[in-house]
């Protein structure tokens, strides 16, 4: 289970949407539109599912106790 994330268009920071979902379920969900309040820039952002991703914490390669975003390699 992970957190659906979006990128703040003002700061470029990843922000959580408050939606918990596993990656496969998110990929197979219907296209949807939503709004998320951003604590970083104090604005409500509107977004489509295609602009979001699921963040699931995974151990970093070769490091014990480290964590990284699975999307970090794609960015």
C-alpha atoms as a PDB file:
ATOM      1  CA  UNK A   1       0.000   0.000   0.000  1.00  0.00           C
ATOM      2  CA  UNK A   2       1.334   3.427  -0.875  1.00  0.00           C
ATOM      3  CA  UNK A   3       0.383   7.084  -1.017  1.00  0.00           C
ATOM      4  CA  UNK A   4      -0.793   8.772  -4.208  1.00  0.00           C
ATOM      5  CA  UNK A   5       1.501  11.755  -4.806  1.00  0.00           C
ATOM      6  CA  UNK A   6       1.466  14.791  -7.087  1.00  0.00           C
ATOM      7  CA  UNK A   7       4.027  17.483  -7.824  1.00  0.00           C
ATOM      8  CA  UNK A   8       3.374  21.041  -6.643  1.00  0.00           C
ATOM      9  CA  UNK A   9       3.404  23.165  -9.806  1.00  0.00           C
ATOM     10  CA  UNK A  10       4.763  26.157  -7.882  1.00  0.00           C
ATOM     11  CA  UNK A  11       7.655  24.530  -5.989  1.00  0.00           C
ATOM     12  CA  UNK A  12       8.192  21.231  -7.837  1.00  0.00           C
ATOM     13  CA  UNK A  13       8.005  19.346  -4.532  1.00  0.00           C
ATOM     14  CA  UNK A  14       6.196  16.013  -4.275  1.00  0.00           C
ATOM     15  CA  UNK A  15       3.140  16.261  -2.034  1.00  0.00           C
ATOM     16  CA  UNK A  16       0.840  13.537  -0.695  1.00  0.00           C
ATOM     17  CA  UNK A  17      -2.799  13.599  -1.790  1.00  0.00           C
ATOM     18  CA  UNK A  18      -4.107  11.718   1.231  1.00  0.00           C
ATOM     19  CA  UNK A  19      -5.211   8.811  -0.994  1.00  0.00           C
ATOM     20  CA  UNK A  20      -3.776   5.411  -0.012  1.00  0.00           C
ATOM     21  CA  UNK A  21      -3.752   2.809  -2.765  1.00  0.00           C
ATOM     22  CA  UNK A  22      -1.551   0.059  -4.135  1.00  0.00           C
ATOM     23  CA  UNK A  23       0.250   0.713  -7.416  1.00  0.00           C
ATOM     24  CA  UNK A  24      -1.648  -1.888  -9.502  1.00  0.00           C
ATOM     25  CA  UNK A  25      -5.050  -0.689  -8.336  1.00  0.00           C
ATOM     26  CA  UNK A  26      -4.080   2.911  -9.129  1.00  0.00           C
ATOM     27  CA  UNK A  27      -2.901   1.949 -12.636  1.00  0.00           C
ATOM     28  CA  UNK A  28      -6.187   0.195 -13.364  1.00  0.00           C
ATOM     29  CA  UNK A  29      -8.447   2.882 -11.878  1.00  0.00           C
ATOM     30  CA  UNK A  30     -10.646   5.041 -14.057  1.00  0.00           C
ATOM     31  CA  UNK A  31      -9.336   8.415 -15.145  1.00  0.00           C
ATOM     32  CA  UNK A  32     -10.273  10.937 -12.489  1.00  0.00           C
ATOM     33  CA  UNK A  33      -9.801  14.563 -11.502  1.00  0.00           C
ATOM     34  CA  UNK A  34      -9.147  15.681  -7.947  1.00  0.00           C
ATOM     35  CA  UNK A  35      -7.970  18.529  -5.745  1.00  0.00           C
ATOM     36  CA  UNK A  36      -5.317  18.482  -3.033  1.00  0.00           C
ATOM     37  CA  UNK A  37      -4.352  21.193  -0.580  1.00  0.00           C
ATOM     38  CA  UNK A  38      -0.599  21.874  -0.612  1.00  0.00           C
ATOM     39  CA  UNK A  39       0.902  22.830   2.742  1.00  0.00           C
ATOM     40  CA  UNK A  40       4.075  24.002   1.025  1.00  0.00           C
ATOM     41  CA  UNK A  41       2.537  26.843  -1.013  1.00  0.00           C
ATOM     42  CA  UNK A  42      -0.838  27.073   0.789  1.00  0.00           C
ATOM     43  CA  UNK A  43      -2.803  26.499  -2.419  1.00  0.00           C
ATOM     44  CA  UNK A  44      -5.282  23.859  -3.554  1.00  0.00           C
ATOM     45  CA  UNK A  45      -3.957  22.117  -6.660  1.00  0.00           C
ATOM     46  CA  UNK A  46      -6.230  20.486  -9.242  1.00  0.00           C
ATOM     47  CA  UNK A  47      -4.838  17.360 -10.895  1.00  0.00           C
ATOM     48  CA  UNK A  48      -5.639  14.377 -13.086  1.00  0.00           C
ATOM     49  CA  UNK A  49      -4.716  10.789 -12.215  1.00  0.00           C
ATOM     50  CA  UNK A  50      -2.269  10.718 -15.149  1.00  0.00           C
ATOM     51  CA  UNK A  51      -0.207  13.385 -13.343  1.00  0.00           C
ATOM     52  CA  UNK A  52       0.060  11.379 -10.111  1.00  0.00           C
ATOM     53  CA  UNK A  53       2.017   8.335  -8.949  1.00  0.00           C
ATOM     54  CA  UNK A  54       2.003   5.923  -6.019  1.00  0.00           C
ATOM     55  CA  UNK A  55       4.894   6.281  -3.573  1.00  0.00           C
ATOM     56  CA  UNK A  56       5.793   3.086  -1.770  1.00  0.00           C
ATOM     57  CA  UNK A  57       8.804   3.159   0.553  1.00  0.00           C
ATOM     58  CA  UNK A  58      11.403   0.599  -0.449  1.00  0.00           C
ATOM     59  CA  UNK A  59      14.870  -0.096   0.987  1.00  0.00           C
ATOM     60  CA  UNK A  60      17.622   1.681  -0.975  1.00  0.00           C
ATOM     61  CA  UNK A  61      19.933  -0.629  -2.906  1.00  0.00           C
ATOM     62  CA  UNK A  62      23.023  -1.621  -0.962  1.00  0.00           C
ATOM     63  CA  UNK A  63      22.046   0.318   2.146  1.00  0.00           C
ATOM     64  CA  UNK A  64      20.349  -1.019   5.229  1.00  0.00           C
ATOM     65  CA  UNK A  65      17.651   1.181   6.675  1.00  0.00           C
ATOM     66  CA  UNK A  66      17.705   3.628   3.747  1.00  0.00           C
ATOM     67  CA  UNK A  67      14.564   4.613   1.886  1.00  0.00           C
ATOM     68  CA  UNK A  68      13.940   6.061  -1.553  1.00  0.00           C
ATOM     69  CA  UNK A  69      11.047   6.770  -3.865  1.00  0.00           C
ATOM     70  CA  UNK A  70      10.554   4.176  -6.615  1.00  0.00           C
ATOM     71  CA  UNK A  71       9.869   7.143  -8.903  1.00  0.00           C
ATOM     72  CA  UNK A  72      13.282   8.695  -8.119  1.00  0.00           C
ATOM     73  CA  UNK A  73      14.893   6.762 -10.986  1.00  0.00           C
ATOM     74  CA  UNK A  74      12.303   8.107 -13.446  1.00  0.00           C
ATOM     75  CA  UNK A  75      12.683  11.762 -12.435  1.00  0.00           C
END
